[in-house]
Amino acid sequence: MAGARARALPADAAPPATASRRRRLAPNHLVALGVALALTALGLVGWAVTGGMGWTEQDPSRTLLGLALNPLHNALHLAVGLAGLLLWRRAGGVRGYGLLLAVGYAAVVVYGLLATGRGWDVLNLNRADTALHLAAVVLGLVVALWPRPVRRPLGRRRPEGTDPANGAEQA
């Protein structure tokens, strides 16, 4: 409101609890963002490598940085990457994304160990893919299991005349 005057606070007053403060992100949020960006980029750039290829076709020559790809594989990387871009900022969302990475890619690792080089491998996997998927499992566990930060209430000050160590009144 243009005509409203701001209320002046005494110099020693704590800022109101509703004051906008920039929250520092925990490391697991940044790891989740990095994984999400990498998977999204891999999914998008993979389309250039696999253009004109059938969705579940196997072609070991269609690789990107040593990773065998096909359109279905690209779509999965893109979907998981975009999910991470939606979930990385909130504490519950980042933990859910970590679990998605850990559980989903653990299943893909098992699938890769069984399907690589077989005629029924619909994802066109190779050993490098399985190694990348195993790294995604580890990163997913880091993201999901990172300890929650200790929260201190905003705007609370200890009353004057109290001991900072335990809050007891000083003589």
N, C-alpha and C. Protein backbone atom coordinates (compact mmCIF):
# COMPACT_ATOMS: atom_id res chain seq x y z
N MET A 1 0.84 -1.16 0.00
CA MET A 1 0.00 0.00 0.00
C MET A 1 0.88 1.22 0.00
N ALA A 2 0.66 2.08 -0.96
CA ALA A 2 1.54 3.22 -1.15
C ALA A 2 1.43 4.23 -0.02
N GLY A 3 0.22 4.46 0.56
CA GLY A 3 0.05 5.49 1.57
C GLY A 3 0.32 5.01 2.98
N ALA A 4 0.50 3.73 3.20
CA ALA A 4 0.70 3.20 4.55
C ALA A 4 2.11 3.51 5.03
N ARG A 5 2.21 3.90 6.31
CA ARG A 5 3.52 4.18 6.88
C ARG A 5 4.03 2.94 7.58
N ALA A 6 5.32 2.70 7.44
CA ALA A 6 5.93 1.56 8.12
C ALA A 6 6.12 1.91 9.58
N ARG A 7 5.86 0.97 10.45
CA ARG A 7 6.01 1.16 11.88
C ARG A 7 7.48 1.04 12.21
N ALA A 8 8.02 1.99 12.92
CA ALA A 8 9.43 1.98 13.29
C ALA A 8 9.64 1.04 14.47
N LEU A 9 10.66 0.21 14.39
CA LEU A 9 11.01 -0.72 15.47
C LEU A 9 12.16 -0.14 16.26
N PRO A 10 12.15 -0.33 17.57
CA PRO A 10 13.32 0.09 18.36
C PRO A 10 14.57 -0.63 17.84
N ALA A 11 15.72 -0.01 18.03
CA ALA A 11 16.97 -0.55 17.51
C ALA A 11 17.29 -1.93 18.03
N ASP A 12 16.89 -2.23 19.29
CA ASP A 12 17.23 -3.54 19.87
C ASP A 12 16.12 -4.56 19.71
N ALA A 13 15.05 -4.23 19.00
CA ALA A 13 13.93 -5.15 18.83
C ALA A 13 14.27 -6.22 17.81
N ALA A 14 13.75 -7.41 18.06
CA ALA A 14 13.94 -8.51 17.12
C ALA A 14 13.04 -8.29 15.92
N PRO A 15 13.45 -8.73 14.74
CA PRO A 15 12.57 -8.60 13.57
C PRO A 15 11.34 -9.47 13.77
N PRO A 16 10.21 -9.07 13.20
CA PRO A 16 9.01 -9.89 13.35
C PRO A 16 9.21 -11.28 12.75
N ALA A 17 8.49 -12.26 13.31
CA ALA A 17 8.62 -13.64 12.85
C ALA A 17 8.23 -13.79 11.39
N THR A 18 7.42 -12.89 10.88
CA THR A 18 6.99 -12.99 9.48
C THR A 18 7.96 -12.33 8.52
N ALA A 19 9.04 -11.76 9.05
CA ALA A 19 10.01 -11.09 8.18
C ALA A 19 10.57 -12.08 7.17
N SER A 20 10.73 -11.60 5.96
CA SER A 20 11.27 -12.46 4.91
C SER A 20 12.76 -12.69 5.16
N ARG A 21 13.13 -13.93 5.26
CA ARG A 21 14.54 -14.29 5.44
C ARG A 21 14.91 -15.33 4.41
N ARG A 22 16.10 -15.19 3.88
CA ARG A 22 16.59 -16.16 2.91
C ARG A 22 17.03 -17.40 3.67
N ARG A 23 16.38 -18.51 3.38
CA ARG A 23 16.69 -19.77 4.04
C ARG A 23 17.83 -20.44 3.30
N ARG A 24 18.82 -20.87 4.07
CA ARG A 24 19.94 -21.59 3.48
C ARG A 24 19.54 -23.02 3.22
N LEU A 25 19.79 -23.49 2.01
CA LEU A 25 19.40 -24.85 1.65
C LEU A 25 20.37 -25.87 2.22
N ALA A 26 19.83 -26.98 2.67
CA ALA A 26 20.66 -28.07 3.16
C ALA A 26 21.37 -28.73 1.97
N PRO A 27 22.51 -29.36 2.22
CA PRO A 27 23.26 -29.99 1.12
C PRO A 27 22.45 -31.00 0.31
N ASN A 28 21.52 -31.72 0.96
CA ASN A 28 20.75 -32.71 0.20
C ASN A 28 19.85 -32.05 -0.85
N HIS A 29 19.42 -30.82 -0.60
CA HIS A 29 18.63 -30.10 -1.60
C HIS A 29 19.49 -29.79 -2.83
N LEU A 30 20.72 -29.40 -2.58
CA LEU A 30 21.61 -29.07 -3.70
C LEU A 30 22.01 -30.32 -4.48
N VAL A 31 22.21 -31.44 -3.78
CA VAL A 31 22.50 -32.71 -4.46
C VAL A 31 21.30 -33.11 -5.32
N ALA A 32 20.10 -32.99 -4.77
CA ALA A 32 18.89 -33.32 -5.53
C ALA A 32 18.77 -32.44 -6.77
N LEU A 33 19.04 -31.15 -6.61
CA LEU A 33 18.98 -30.25 -7.76
C LEU A 33 20.00 -30.65 -8.82
N GLY A 34 21.22 -30.98 -8.40
CA GLY A 34 22.26 -31.39 -9.35
C GLY A 34 21.87 -32.66 -10.10
N VAL A 35 21.35 -33.65 -9.39
CA VAL A 35 20.92 -34.89 -10.03
C VAL A 35 19.76 -34.60 -11.00
N ALA A 36 18.81 -33.79 -10.57
CA ALA A 36 17.65 -33.47 -11.41
C ALA A 36 18.08 -32.75 -12.69
N LEU A 37 19.00 -31.80 -12.56
CA LEU A 37 19.49 -31.09 -13.75
C LEU A 37 20.24 -32.04 -14.69
N ALA A 38 21.08 -32.90 -14.13
CA ALA A 38 21.84 -33.84 -14.95
C ALA A 38 20.92 -34.81 -15.68
N LEU A 39 19.92 -35.36 -14.98
CA LEU A 39 19.00 -36.31 -15.63
C LEU A 39 18.14 -35.62 -16.68
N THR A 40 17.72 -34.39 -16.40
CA THR A 40 16.92 -33.65 -17.38
C THR A 40 17.76 -33.38 -18.63
N ALA A 41 19.00 -32.95 -18.44
CA ALA A 41 19.89 -32.69 -19.58
C ALA A 41 20.15 -33.98 -20.36
N LEU A 42 20.42 -35.07 -19.65
CA LEU A 42 20.66 -36.35 -20.31
C LEU A 42 19.44 -36.79 -21.11
N GLY A 43 18.26 -36.61 -20.53
CA GLY A 43 17.03 -36.97 -21.25
C GLY A 43 16.82 -36.13 -22.49
N LEU A 44 17.10 -34.84 -22.39
CA LEU A 44 16.90 -33.95 -23.55
C LEU A 44 17.95 -34.17 -24.63
N VAL A 45 19.22 -34.21 -24.25
CA VAL A 45 20.29 -34.39 -25.24
C VAL A 45 20.23 -35.79 -25.85
N GLY A 46 19.74 -36.74 -25.08
CA GLY A 46 19.60 -38.10 -25.60
C GLY A 46 18.70 -38.19 -26.82
N TRP A 47 17.73 -37.28 -26.92
CA TRP A 47 16.84 -37.31 -28.08
C TRP A 47 17.62 -37.02 -29.37
N ALA A 48 18.66 -36.22 -29.29
CA ALA A 48 19.47 -35.94 -30.48
C ALA A 48 20.22 -37.20 -30.94
N VAL A 49 20.62 -38.02 -29.97
CA VAL A 49 21.35 -39.25 -30.28
C VAL A 49 20.42 -40.32 -30.83
N THR A 50 19.19 -40.35 -30.33
CA THR A 50 18.29 -41.46 -30.67
C THR A 50 17.21 -41.07 -31.67
N GLY A 51 17.35 -39.93 -32.33
CA GLY A 51 16.33 -39.50 -33.29
C GLY A 51 16.08 -40.55 -34.35
N GLY A 52 14.82 -40.84 -34.63
CA GLY A 52 14.44 -41.81 -35.65
C GLY A 52 14.52 -43.25 -35.19
N MET A 53 14.88 -43.47 -33.97
CA MET A 53 15.02 -44.83 -33.42
C MET A 53 13.68 -45.26 -32.82
N GLY A 54 13.37 -46.55 -32.90
CA GLY A 54 12.15 -47.07 -32.27
C GLY A 54 12.22 -46.93 -30.75
N TRP A 55 11.07 -46.77 -30.10
CA TRP A 55 11.02 -46.51 -28.66
C TRP A 55 11.80 -47.52 -27.83
N THR A 56 11.74 -48.78 -28.17
CA THR A 56 12.43 -49.81 -27.38
C THR A 56 13.52 -50.51 -28.18
N GLU A 57 13.95 -49.92 -29.27
CA GLU A 57 14.97 -50.51 -30.13
C GLU A 57 16.33 -50.60 -29.42
N GLN A 58 17.05 -51.64 -29.75
CA GLN A 58 18.41 -51.81 -29.23
C GLN A 58 19.41 -51.50 -30.33
N ASP A 59 20.30 -50.55 -30.03
CA ASP A 59 21.37 -50.20 -30.96
C ASP A 59 22.56 -49.75 -30.12
N PRO A 60 23.55 -50.65 -29.93
CA PRO A 60 24.70 -50.31 -29.08
C PRO A 60 25.52 -49.12 -29.59
N SER A 61 25.34 -48.74 -30.85
CA SER A 61 26.11 -47.61 -31.38
C SER A 61 25.48 -46.27 -30.98
N ARG A 62 24.25 -46.27 -30.51
CA ARG A 62 23.58 -45.03 -30.08
C ARG A 62 23.94 -44.74 -28.63
N THR A 63 25.05 -44.03 -28.45
CA THR A 63 25.52 -43.74 -27.09
C THR A 63 25.77 -42.25 -26.90
N LEU A 64 25.72 -41.84 -25.66
CA LEU A 64 26.05 -40.48 -25.26
C LEU A 64 26.95 -40.61 -24.03
N LEU A 65 28.20 -40.18 -24.15
CA LEU A 65 29.18 -40.31 -23.07
C LEU A 65 29.30 -41.76 -22.59
N GLY A 66 29.21 -42.69 -23.53
CA GLY A 66 29.34 -44.11 -23.21
C GLY A 66 28.06 -44.77 -22.74
N LEU A 67 26.99 -44.01 -22.59
CA LEU A 67 25.71 -44.54 -22.13
C LEU A 67 24.84 -44.90 -23.33
N ALA A 68 24.39 -46.16 -23.38
CA ALA A 68 23.50 -46.58 -24.45
C ALA A 68 22.11 -46.02 -24.18
N LEU A 69 21.47 -45.51 -25.23
CA LEU A 69 20.17 -44.87 -25.05
C LEU A 69 19.19 -45.33 -26.11
N ASN A 70 17.93 -45.17 -25.82
CA ASN A 70 16.85 -45.26 -26.80
C ASN A 70 15.76 -44.29 -26.33
N PRO A 71 14.75 -44.02 -27.11
CA PRO A 71 13.75 -43.03 -26.71
C PRO A 71 13.06 -43.33 -25.37
N LEU A 72 12.78 -44.60 -25.08
CA LEU A 72 12.16 -44.93 -23.79
C LEU A 72 13.11 -44.58 -22.64
N HIS A 73 14.38 -44.90 -22.80
CA HIS A 73 15.40 -44.60 -21.80
C HIS A 73 15.49 -43.07 -21.59
N ASN A 74 15.47 -42.31 -22.69
CA ASN A 74 15.49 -40.84 -22.60
C ASN A 74 14.27 -40.33 -21.85
N ALA A 75 13.10 -40.88 -22.16
CA ALA A 75 11.86 -40.43 -21.52
C ALA A 75 11.91 -40.67 -20.01
N LEU A 76 12.47 -41.80 -19.60
CA LEU A 76 12.58 -42.09 -18.16
C LEU A 76 13.54 -41.11 -17.48
N HIS A 77 14.70 -40.85 -18.10
CA HIS A 77 15.63 -39.87 -17.52
C HIS A 77 14.96 -38.50 -17.42
N LEU A 78 14.26 -38.10 -18.46
CA LEU A 78 13.60 -36.81 -18.48
C LEU A 78 12.51 -36.73 -17.41
N ALA A 79 11.71 -37.77 -17.27
CA ALA A 79 10.63 -37.77 -16.27
C ALA A 79 11.19 -37.68 -14.85
N VAL A 80 12.22 -38.46 -14.55
CA VAL A 80 12.80 -38.43 -13.20
C VAL A 80 13.51 -37.10 -12.96
N GLY A 81 14.15 -36.55 -13.98
CA GLY A 81 14.79 -35.25 -13.83
C GLY A 81 13.79 -34.14 -13.58
N LEU A 82 12.69 -34.14 -14.33
CA LEU A 82 11.67 -33.11 -14.14
C LEU A 82 10.99 -33.25 -12.78
N ALA A 83 10.79 -34.48 -12.32
CA ALA A 83 10.24 -34.69 -10.97
C ALA A 83 11.16 -34.05 -9.92
N GLY A 84 12.45 -34.22 -10.09
CA GLY A 84 13.40 -33.62 -9.16
C GLY A 84 13.36 -32.10 -9.20
N LEU A 85 13.18 -31.52 -10.38
CA LEU A 85 13.09 -30.07 -10.49
C LEU A 85 11.83 -29.54 -9.79
N LEU A 86 10.80 -30.35 -9.72
CA LEU A 86 9.59 -29.96 -9.01
C LEU A 86 9.69 -30.14 -7.50
N LEU A 87 10.51 -31.10 -7.05
CA LEU A 87 10.51 -31.49 -5.64
C LEU A 87 11.70 -31.04 -4.81
N TRP A 88 12.75 -30.50 -5.39
CA TRP A 88 14.02 -30.31 -4.69
C TRP A 88 13.99 -29.24 -3.60
N ARG A 89 13.11 -28.28 -3.63
CA ARG A 89 13.16 -27.15 -2.69
C ARG A 89 12.54 -27.44 -1.33
N ARG A 90 11.52 -28.26 -1.24
CA ARG A 90 10.83 -28.51 0.03
C ARG A 90 11.40 -29.75 0.70
N ALA A 91 11.43 -29.70 2.03
CA ALA A 91 12.04 -30.81 2.80
C ALA A 91 11.36 -32.14 2.51
N GLY A 92 10.04 -32.18 2.53
CA GLY A 92 9.33 -33.42 2.24
C GLY A 92 9.50 -33.85 0.80
N GLY A 93 9.49 -32.88 -0.10
CA GLY A 93 9.65 -33.18 -1.52
C GLY A 93 11.02 -33.73 -1.84
N VAL A 94 12.05 -33.15 -1.22
CA VAL A 94 13.42 -33.60 -1.51
C VAL A 94 13.62 -35.01 -0.97
N ARG A 95 13.05 -35.32 0.17
CA ARG A 95 13.18 -36.69 0.72
C ARG A 95 12.43 -37.69 -0.16
N GLY A 96 11.25 -37.29 -0.62
CA GLY A 96 10.50 -38.16 -1.54
C GLY A 96 11.26 -38.40 -2.83
N TYR A 97 11.90 -37.34 -3.34
CA TYR A 97 12.69 -37.48 -4.56
C TYR A 97 13.88 -38.41 -4.32
N GLY A 98 14.51 -38.28 -3.16
CA GLY A 98 15.61 -39.18 -2.82
C GLY A 98 15.16 -40.63 -2.80
N LEU A 99 13.99 -40.88 -2.23
CA LEU A 99 13.46 -42.26 -2.22
C LEU A 99 13.12 -42.74 -3.62
N LEU A 100 12.56 -41.84 -4.44
CA LEU A 100 12.28 -42.20 -5.84
C LEU A 100 13.57 -42.61 -6.55
N LEU A 101 14.63 -41.82 -6.37
CA LEU A 101 15.91 -42.16 -6.99
C LEU A 101 16.43 -43.50 -6.47
N ALA A 102 16.45 -43.66 -5.16
CA ALA A 102 17.03 -44.86 -4.55
C ALA A 102 16.27 -46.12 -4.95
N VAL A 103 14.97 -46.11 -4.78
CA VAL A 103 14.17 -47.31 -5.05
C VAL A 103 14.01 -47.54 -6.55
N GLY A 104 13.69 -46.46 -7.29
CA GLY A 104 13.49 -46.62 -8.73
C GLY A 104 14.75 -47.07 -9.45
N TYR A 105 15.86 -46.42 -9.15
CA TYR A 105 17.09 -46.80 -9.84
C TYR A 105 17.68 -48.10 -9.31
N ALA A 106 17.36 -48.48 -8.08
CA ALA A 106 17.79 -49.81 -7.61
C ALA A 106 17.11 -50.89 -8.46
N ALA A 107 15.84 -50.68 -8.76
CA ALA A 107 15.12 -51.62 -9.63
C ALA A 107 15.74 -51.63 -11.03
N VAL A 108 16.14 -50.46 -11.53
CA VAL A 108 16.76 -50.40 -12.86
C VAL A 108 18.14 -51.06 -12.86
N VAL A 109 18.88 -50.94 -11.73
CA VAL A 109 20.17 -51.63 -11.62
C VAL A 109 19.97 -53.14 -11.72
N VAL A 110 19.01 -53.66 -10.98
CA VAL A 110 18.73 -55.11 -11.04
C VAL A 110 18.31 -55.50 -12.45
N TYR A 111 17.42 -54.70 -13.04
CA TYR A 111 17.00 -54.96 -14.41
C TYR A 111 18.21 -54.95 -15.35
N GLY A 112 19.11 -53.98 -15.19
CA GLY A 112 20.29 -53.88 -16.04
C GLY A 112 21.21 -55.07 -15.90
N LEU A 113 21.37 -55.55 -14.67
CA LEU A 113 22.22 -56.73 -14.46
C LEU A 113 21.64 -57.95 -15.16
N LEU A 114 20.32 -58.03 -15.23
CA LEU A 114 19.68 -59.19 -15.87
C LEU A 114 19.50 -59.01 -17.38
N ALA A 115 19.24 -57.78 -17.84
CA ALA A 115 18.81 -57.57 -19.22
C ALA A 115 19.90 -57.14 -20.19
N THR A 116 21.01 -56.56 -19.69
CA THR A 116 22.03 -56.02 -20.59
C THR A 116 22.51 -57.10 -21.56
N GLY A 117 22.45 -56.77 -22.85
CA GLY A 117 22.90 -57.68 -23.89
C GLY A 117 21.87 -58.72 -24.30
N ARG A 118 20.70 -58.72 -23.69
CA ARG A 118 19.66 -59.69 -24.03
C ARG A 118 18.67 -59.07 -25.01
N GLY A 119 18.01 -59.88 -25.77
CA GLY A 119 17.07 -59.41 -26.78
C GLY A 119 15.85 -58.71 -26.20
N TRP A 120 15.54 -58.94 -24.95
CA TRP A 120 14.35 -58.35 -24.33
C TRP A 120 14.65 -57.06 -23.54
N ASP A 121 15.84 -56.51 -23.68
CA ASP A 121 16.23 -55.28 -22.98
C ASP A 121 15.57 -54.08 -23.67
N VAL A 122 14.45 -53.62 -23.13
CA VAL A 122 13.70 -52.52 -23.76
C VAL A 122 14.33 -51.16 -23.50
N LEU A 123 15.32 -51.06 -22.61
CA LEU A 123 15.96 -49.77 -22.31
C LEU A 123 17.30 -49.60 -23.01
N ASN A 124 17.77 -50.61 -23.75
CA ASN A 124 19.05 -50.53 -24.46
C ASN A 124 20.19 -50.20 -23.49
N LEU A 125 20.31 -50.96 -22.41
CA LEU A 125 21.29 -50.70 -21.36
C LEU A 125 22.65 -51.31 -21.68
N ASN A 126 23.70 -50.71 -21.10
CA ASN A 126 25.04 -51.30 -21.13
C ASN A 126 25.62 -51.17 -19.72
N ARG A 127 26.87 -51.59 -19.53
CA ARG A 127 27.47 -51.55 -18.20
C ARG A 127 27.62 -50.13 -17.66
N ALA A 128 27.92 -49.18 -18.55
CA ALA A 128 28.04 -47.78 -18.11
C ALA A 128 26.70 -47.27 -17.57
N ASP A 129 25.61 -47.67 -18.22
CA ASP A 129 24.29 -47.29 -17.72
C ASP A 129 24.06 -47.83 -16.32
N THR A 130 24.40 -49.09 -16.13
CA THR A 130 24.20 -49.71 -14.82
C THR A 130 25.04 -49.01 -13.75
N ALA A 131 26.26 -48.61 -14.09
CA ALA A 131 27.10 -47.88 -13.14
C ALA A 131 26.48 -46.52 -12.81
N LEU A 132 25.96 -45.81 -13.82
CA LEU A 132 25.30 -44.53 -13.59
C LEU A 132 24.06 -44.71 -12.72
N HIS A 133 23.30 -45.74 -12.98
CA HIS A 133 22.09 -45.99 -12.20
C HIS A 133 22.45 -46.35 -10.75
N LEU A 134 23.55 -47.07 -10.55
CA LEU A 134 24.00 -47.37 -9.19
C LEU A 134 24.41 -46.09 -8.46
N ALA A 135 25.08 -45.18 -9.17
CA ALA A 135 25.43 -43.88 -8.57
C ALA A 135 24.17 -43.11 -8.20
N ALA A 136 23.12 -43.20 -9.01
CA ALA A 136 21.85 -42.53 -8.71
C ALA A 136 21.22 -43.11 -7.44
N VAL A 137 21.37 -44.42 -7.23
CA VAL A 137 20.86 -45.05 -6.00
C VAL A 137 21.57 -44.45 -4.79
N VAL A 138 22.90 -44.37 -4.85
CA VAL A 138 23.68 -43.83 -3.73
C VAL A 138 23.31 -42.38 -3.47
N LEU A 139 23.23 -41.57 -4.53
CA LEU A 139 22.86 -40.17 -4.36
C LEU A 139 21.43 -40.03 -3.83
N GLY A 140 20.54 -40.91 -4.27
CA GLY A 140 19.17 -40.90 -3.75
C GLY A 140 19.13 -41.18 -2.26
N LEU A 141 19.97 -42.12 -1.80
CA LEU A 141 20.03 -42.40 -0.37
C LEU A 141 20.60 -41.21 0.40
N VAL A 142 21.60 -40.54 -0.15
CA VAL A 142 22.16 -39.34 0.49
C VAL A 142 21.07 -38.29 0.62
N VAL A 143 20.33 -38.06 -0.45
CA VAL A 143 19.28 -37.04 -0.45
C VAL A 143 18.18 -37.40 0.56
N ALA A 144 17.74 -38.64 0.56
CA ALA A 144 16.62 -39.05 1.41
C ALA A 144 17.00 -39.13 2.89
N LEU A 145 18.22 -39.54 3.19
CA LEU A 145 18.59 -39.81 4.58
C LEU A 145 19.41 -38.70 5.23
N TRP A 146 19.64 -37.59 4.53
CA TRP A 146 20.40 -36.47 5.12
C TRP A 146 19.65 -35.99 6.36
N PRO A 147 20.36 -35.75 7.48
CA PRO A 147 19.68 -35.30 8.70
C PRO A 147 18.98 -33.95 8.49
N ARG A 148 17.83 -33.83 9.11
CA ARG A 148 17.09 -32.56 9.03
C ARG A 148 17.83 -31.50 9.84
N PRO A 149 17.87 -30.26 9.34
CA PRO A 149 18.55 -29.20 10.10
C PRO A 149 17.77 -28.84 11.36
N VAL A 150 18.50 -28.41 12.38
CA VAL A 150 17.87 -27.97 13.62
C VAL A 150 17.31 -26.58 13.36
N ARG A 151 16.06 -26.40 13.70
CA ARG A 151 15.41 -25.10 13.45
C ARG A 151 15.36 -24.30 14.74
N ARG A 152 15.75 -23.04 14.63
CA ARG A 152 15.61 -22.11 15.74
C ARG A 152 14.47 -21.17 15.42
N PRO A 153 13.64 -20.87 16.42
CA PRO A 153 12.51 -19.97 16.15
C PRO A 153 13.02 -18.60 15.70
N LEU A 154 12.33 -18.01 14.74
CA LEU A 154 12.69 -16.70 14.24
C LEU A 154 12.17 -15.62 15.20
N GLY A 155 12.94 -14.56 15.39
CA GLY A 155 12.47 -13.42 16.12
C GLY A 155 12.44 -13.56 17.62
N ARG A 156 12.87 -14.65 18.18
CA ARG A 156 12.87 -14.82 19.62
C ARG A 156 14.21 -14.40 20.19
N ARG A 157 14.13 -13.63 21.24
CA ARG A 157 15.34 -13.20 21.94
C ARG A 157 15.22 -13.66 23.37
N ARG A 158 16.36 -13.88 23.99
CA ARG A 158 16.29 -14.25 25.40
C ARG A 158 15.99 -13.00 26.21
N PRO A 159 15.20 -13.13 27.25
CA PRO A 159 14.88 -11.96 28.08
C PRO A 159 16.14 -11.39 28.71
N GLU A 160 16.14 -10.07 28.89
CA GLU A 160 17.29 -9.43 29.51
C GLU A 160 17.46 -9.95 30.92
N GLY A 161 18.70 -10.10 31.33
CA GLY A 161 19.00 -10.56 32.67
C GLY A 161 19.01 -12.07 32.80
N THR A 162 18.99 -12.82 31.69
CA THR A 162 19.05 -14.27 31.78
C THR A 162 20.40 -14.75 31.28
N ASP A 163 20.81 -15.89 31.79
CA ASP A 163 22.08 -16.50 31.42
C ASP A 163 21.94 -17.09 30.00
N PRO A 164 22.81 -16.71 29.05
CA PRO A 164 22.70 -17.24 27.69
C PRO A 164 22.87 -18.74 27.61
N ALA A 165 23.55 -19.35 28.57
CA ALA A 165 23.82 -20.79 28.52
C ALA A 165 22.56 -21.61 28.83
N ASN A 166 21.79 -21.18 29.84
CA ASN A 166 20.65 -22.02 30.23
C ASN A 166 19.35 -21.25 30.39
N GLY A 167 19.35 -19.94 30.18
CA GLY A 167 18.14 -19.17 30.28
C GLY A 167 17.74 -18.80 31.69
N ALA A 168 18.50 -19.24 32.70
CA ALA A 168 18.18 -18.92 34.10
C ALA A 168 18.49 -17.45 34.38
N GLU A 169 17.72 -16.89 35.31
CA GLU A 169 17.94 -15.48 35.68
C GLU A 169 19.28 -15.32 36.37
N GLN A 170 19.95 -14.23 36.04
CA GLN A 170 21.22 -13.91 36.67
C GLN A 170 20.97 -13.01 37.86
N ALA A 171 21.82 -13.10 38.83
CA ALA A 171 21.66 -12.28 40.02
C ALA A 171 22.08 -10.86 39.79
